[in-house]
Amino acid sequence: MAMADAELREIAAKLARTIYVSKTADHDLTALKAAVQNIDIAMNATTTQVENNAPGVVLKVALRDQAQTGAGNLTTQEAGIALAYWALQEVGL
């Protein structure tokens, strides 16, 4: 399911507060929102591939669920944070 505009704007604002702490902004909120929206679109586009291995589950949910499979006591929020940290590491952050 695609993120709502308000969710995209909230993430874009968090992104701006994170990356523009020590440098001058070189993208406006609309551009940052578009970046987040493109990630959301790409994640949702993978549903077909994931559907073969986890019917009815989109990739982001499947990955979060895998974290909970690995550590069964993780809450949904904790598993989501694990997914976020994994993604950060994957892109070298």
N, C-alpha and C. Protein backbone atom coordinates (compact mmCIF):
# COMPACT_ATOMS: atom_id res chain seq x y z
N MET A 1 0.84 -1.17 0.00
CA MET A 1 0.00 0.00 0.00
C MET A 1 0.89 1.24 0.00
N ALA A 2 0.60 2.15 -0.88
CA ALA A 2 1.39 3.38 -0.99
C ALA A 2 1.17 4.27 0.23
N MET A 3 2.22 5.01 0.58
CA MET A 3 2.13 5.94 1.70
C MET A 3 1.25 7.12 1.32
N ALA A 4 0.54 7.63 2.30
CA ALA A 4 -0.27 8.82 2.10
C ALA A 4 0.63 10.05 2.00
N ASP A 5 0.12 11.10 1.40
CA ASP A 5 0.89 12.32 1.23
C ASP A 5 1.42 12.84 2.57
N ALA A 6 0.61 12.80 3.60
CA ALA A 6 1.04 13.28 4.92
C ALA A 6 2.22 12.46 5.45
N GLU A 7 2.20 11.15 5.22
CA GLU A 7 3.31 10.30 5.65
C GLU A 7 4.59 10.64 4.88
N LEU A 8 4.46 10.83 3.58
CA LEU A 8 5.61 11.18 2.76
C LEU A 8 6.20 12.52 3.19
N ARG A 9 5.35 13.49 3.50
CA ARG A 9 5.83 14.81 3.94
C ARG A 9 6.53 14.70 5.29
N GLU A 10 5.99 13.88 6.18
CA GLU A 10 6.60 13.71 7.50
C GLU A 10 8.00 13.10 7.37
N ILE A 11 8.14 12.09 6.54
CA ILE A 11 9.44 11.46 6.33
C ILE A 11 10.40 12.45 5.65
N ALA A 12 9.90 13.19 4.68
CA ALA A 12 10.74 14.18 4.01
C ALA A 12 11.24 15.23 4.99
N ALA A 13 10.38 15.66 5.91
CA ALA A 13 10.79 16.64 6.93
C ALA A 13 11.85 16.05 7.85
N LYS A 14 11.68 14.80 8.26
CA LYS A 14 12.69 14.13 9.10
C LYS A 14 14.01 14.03 8.34
N LEU A 15 13.92 13.69 7.07
CA LEU A 15 15.12 13.60 6.23
C LEU A 15 15.82 14.95 6.16
N ALA A 16 15.07 16.01 5.95
CA ALA A 16 15.65 17.36 5.88
C ALA A 16 16.33 17.72 7.19
N ARG A 17 15.68 17.42 8.32
CA ARG A 17 16.28 17.73 9.62
C ARG A 17 17.56 16.94 9.86
N THR A 18 17.65 15.76 9.26
CA THR A 18 18.84 14.92 9.44
C THR A 18 19.99 15.35 8.54
N ILE A 19 19.71 15.59 7.28
CA ILE A 19 20.83 15.85 6.35
C ILE A 19 21.24 17.31 6.27
N TYR A 20 20.43 18.23 6.78
CA TYR A 20 20.78 19.64 6.69
C TYR A 20 21.14 20.24 8.05
N VAL A 21 21.70 19.43 8.92
CA VAL A 21 22.15 19.91 10.22
C VAL A 21 23.40 20.76 10.07
N SER A 22 24.33 20.29 9.25
CA SER A 22 25.61 20.98 9.15
C SER A 22 25.93 21.47 7.74
N LYS A 23 24.94 21.54 6.89
CA LYS A 23 25.17 22.08 5.55
C LYS A 23 23.93 22.81 5.07
N THR A 24 24.11 23.63 4.07
CA THR A 24 23.01 24.40 3.51
C THR A 24 22.12 23.48 2.69
N ALA A 25 20.84 23.65 2.84
CA ALA A 25 19.88 22.83 2.10
C ALA A 25 20.05 23.04 0.60
N ASP A 26 20.09 21.94 -0.13
CA ASP A 26 20.19 22.04 -1.58
C ASP A 26 19.02 21.33 -2.28
N HIS A 27 18.04 20.91 -1.49
CA HIS A 27 16.80 20.35 -2.02
C HIS A 27 15.65 20.87 -1.16
N ASP A 28 14.52 21.14 -1.80
CA ASP A 28 13.37 21.57 -1.01
C ASP A 28 12.57 20.35 -0.56
N LEU A 29 11.59 20.60 0.29
CA LEU A 29 10.79 19.51 0.86
C LEU A 29 10.08 18.71 -0.21
N THR A 30 9.65 19.36 -1.27
CA THR A 30 8.96 18.65 -2.36
C THR A 30 9.89 17.63 -3.02
N ALA A 31 11.14 18.01 -3.25
CA ALA A 31 12.11 17.09 -3.86
C ALA A 31 12.42 15.93 -2.93
N LEU A 32 12.57 16.21 -1.63
CA LEU A 32 12.85 15.15 -0.67
C LEU A 32 11.65 14.20 -0.56
N LYS A 33 10.45 14.77 -0.61
CA LYS A 33 9.25 13.94 -0.59
C LYS A 33 9.21 13.02 -1.82
N ALA A 34 9.61 13.55 -2.96
CA ALA A 34 9.64 12.74 -4.19
C ALA A 34 10.65 11.59 -4.06
N ALA A 35 11.78 11.85 -3.40
CA ALA A 35 12.76 10.79 -3.19
C ALA A 35 12.17 9.66 -2.36
N VAL A 36 11.50 10.03 -1.27
CA VAL A 36 10.88 9.02 -0.40
C VAL A 36 9.76 8.29 -1.15
N GLN A 37 8.99 9.03 -1.92
CA GLN A 37 7.89 8.43 -2.67
C GLN A 37 8.42 7.43 -3.70
N ASN A 38 9.53 7.73 -4.33
CA ASN A 38 10.12 6.80 -5.30
C ASN A 38 10.56 5.51 -4.62
N ILE A 39 11.10 5.61 -3.41
CA ILE A 39 11.46 4.40 -2.65
C ILE A 39 10.20 3.60 -2.36
N ASP A 40 9.15 4.29 -1.92
CA ASP A 40 7.88 3.62 -1.60
C ASP A 40 7.32 2.91 -2.83
N ILE A 41 7.36 3.56 -3.97
CA ILE A 41 6.87 2.97 -5.22
C ILE A 41 7.69 1.74 -5.59
N ALA A 42 9.01 1.85 -5.47
CA ALA A 42 9.87 0.71 -5.81
C ALA A 42 9.61 -0.47 -4.88
N MET A 43 9.47 -0.20 -3.58
CA MET A 43 9.19 -1.29 -2.64
C MET A 43 7.86 -1.97 -2.98
N ASN A 44 6.86 -1.18 -3.29
CA ASN A 44 5.56 -1.75 -3.60
C ASN A 44 5.57 -2.50 -4.94
N ALA A 45 6.45 -2.14 -5.84
CA ALA A 45 6.53 -2.80 -7.15
C ALA A 45 7.09 -4.21 -7.05
N THR A 46 7.72 -4.53 -5.95
CA THR A 46 8.32 -5.86 -5.79
C THR A 46 7.32 -6.91 -5.33
N THR A 47 6.09 -6.51 -5.14
CA THR A 47 5.07 -7.43 -4.61
C THR A 47 5.00 -8.72 -5.41
N THR A 48 5.11 -8.65 -6.72
CA THR A 48 4.99 -9.85 -7.55
C THR A 48 6.07 -10.86 -7.22
N GLN A 49 7.31 -10.41 -7.08
CA GLN A 49 8.39 -11.34 -6.77
C GLN A 49 8.22 -11.95 -5.38
N VAL A 50 7.87 -11.13 -4.42
CA VAL A 50 7.70 -11.62 -3.05
C VAL A 50 6.50 -12.56 -2.97
N GLU A 51 5.49 -12.26 -3.75
CA GLU A 51 4.26 -13.06 -3.76
C GLU A 51 4.54 -14.54 -4.00
N ASN A 52 5.60 -14.84 -4.78
CA ASN A 52 5.94 -16.24 -5.04
C ASN A 52 6.40 -16.96 -3.78
N ASN A 53 7.09 -16.26 -2.88
CA ASN A 53 7.62 -16.87 -1.68
C ASN A 53 6.79 -16.62 -0.43
N ALA A 54 6.06 -15.53 -0.40
CA ALA A 54 5.24 -15.17 0.75
C ALA A 54 3.92 -14.61 0.23
N PRO A 55 3.02 -15.48 -0.18
CA PRO A 55 1.75 -15.03 -0.77
C PRO A 55 1.02 -14.00 0.09
N GLY A 56 0.61 -12.92 -0.57
CA GLY A 56 -0.17 -11.89 0.11
C GLY A 56 0.64 -10.90 0.92
N VAL A 57 1.98 -10.99 0.86
CA VAL A 57 2.82 -10.13 1.68
C VAL A 57 3.69 -9.26 0.79
N VAL A 58 3.74 -7.95 1.06
CA VAL A 58 4.62 -7.08 0.30
C VAL A 58 6.01 -7.14 0.89
N LEU A 59 7.01 -6.76 0.12
CA LEU A 59 8.41 -6.91 0.51
C LEU A 59 8.73 -6.31 1.86
N LYS A 60 8.34 -5.06 2.10
CA LYS A 60 8.71 -4.41 3.35
C LYS A 60 8.13 -5.15 4.55
N VAL A 61 6.95 -5.70 4.43
CA VAL A 61 6.35 -6.46 5.51
C VAL A 61 7.05 -7.81 5.65
N ALA A 62 7.38 -8.43 4.52
CA ALA A 62 8.09 -9.71 4.56
C ALA A 62 9.44 -9.56 5.24
N LEU A 63 10.16 -8.48 4.95
CA LEU A 63 11.46 -8.26 5.58
C LEU A 63 11.31 -8.00 7.07
N ARG A 64 10.34 -7.21 7.45
CA ARG A 64 10.08 -6.97 8.88
C ARG A 64 9.74 -8.27 9.58
N ASP A 65 8.90 -9.08 8.93
CA ASP A 65 8.51 -10.37 9.52
C ASP A 65 9.71 -11.30 9.67
N GLN A 66 10.65 -11.23 8.73
CA GLN A 66 11.85 -12.06 8.82
C GLN A 66 12.67 -11.69 10.05
N ALA A 67 12.70 -10.41 10.38
CA ALA A 67 13.41 -10.00 11.59
C ALA A 67 12.75 -10.63 12.81
N GLN A 68 11.43 -10.66 12.83
CA GLN A 68 10.72 -11.27 13.96
C GLN A 68 10.91 -12.78 13.98
N THR A 69 11.08 -13.40 12.82
CA THR A 69 11.36 -14.83 12.77
C THR A 69 12.72 -15.12 13.39
N GLY A 70 13.68 -14.23 13.12
CA GLY A 70 15.03 -14.41 13.66
C GLY A 70 15.10 -14.17 15.15
N ALA A 71 14.31 -13.23 15.63
CA ALA A 71 14.29 -12.89 17.06
C ALA A 71 12.83 -12.73 17.45
N GLY A 72 12.23 -13.81 17.86
CA GLY A 72 10.79 -13.88 18.08
C GLY A 72 10.22 -12.90 19.08
N ASN A 73 11.03 -12.37 19.97
CA ASN A 73 10.50 -11.43 20.97
C ASN A 73 10.47 -9.99 20.50
N LEU A 74 10.93 -9.73 19.28
CA LEU A 74 10.88 -8.36 18.76
C LEU A 74 9.43 -7.93 18.55
N THR A 75 9.13 -6.70 18.95
CA THR A 75 7.82 -6.14 18.63
C THR A 75 7.83 -5.75 17.15
N THR A 76 6.69 -5.43 16.63
CA THR A 76 6.60 -4.97 15.25
C THR A 76 7.45 -3.72 15.05
N GLN A 77 7.40 -2.81 16.02
CA GLN A 77 8.18 -1.59 15.91
C GLN A 77 9.68 -1.90 15.94
N GLU A 78 10.10 -2.78 16.83
CA GLU A 78 11.51 -3.14 16.92
C GLU A 78 12.00 -3.82 15.65
N ALA A 79 11.16 -4.68 15.08
CA ALA A 79 11.52 -5.34 13.82
C ALA A 79 11.61 -4.31 12.69
N GLY A 80 10.73 -3.32 12.71
CA GLY A 80 10.79 -2.25 11.73
C GLY A 80 12.07 -1.45 11.85
N ILE A 81 12.51 -1.20 13.07
CA ILE A 81 13.77 -0.49 13.30
C ILE A 81 14.93 -1.34 12.80
N ALA A 82 14.88 -2.64 13.03
CA ALA A 82 15.92 -3.54 12.52
C ALA A 82 15.99 -3.44 10.99
N LEU A 83 14.84 -3.41 10.35
CA LEU A 83 14.79 -3.26 8.89
C LEU A 83 15.40 -1.93 8.46
N ALA A 84 15.09 -0.87 9.18
CA ALA A 84 15.64 0.45 8.85
C ALA A 84 17.16 0.45 8.99
N TYR A 85 17.68 -0.14 10.07
CA TYR A 85 19.14 -0.20 10.25
C TYR A 85 19.79 -1.06 9.18
N TRP A 86 19.13 -2.13 8.80
CA TRP A 86 19.66 -2.97 7.72
C TRP A 86 19.77 -2.13 6.44
N ALA A 87 18.71 -1.40 6.14
CA ALA A 87 18.71 -0.59 4.91
C ALA A 87 19.82 0.47 4.96
N LEU A 88 20.00 1.10 6.11
CA LEU A 88 21.08 2.08 6.24
C LEU A 88 22.44 1.44 5.99
N GLN A 89 22.66 0.28 6.55
CA GLN A 89 23.93 -0.42 6.36
C GLN A 89 24.14 -0.80 4.89
N GLU A 90 23.08 -1.23 4.24
CA GLU A 90 23.16 -1.64 2.84
C GLU A 90 23.61 -0.51 1.92
N VAL A 91 23.27 0.72 2.29
CA VAL A 91 23.67 1.85 1.46
C VAL A 91 24.89 2.57 2.02
N GLY A 92 25.54 1.95 2.99
CA GLY A 92 26.80 2.47 3.50
C GLY A 92 26.68 3.57 4.53
N LEU A 93 25.58 3.61 5.27
CA LEU A 93 25.43 4.64 6.31
C LEU A 93 25.51 4.05 7.70
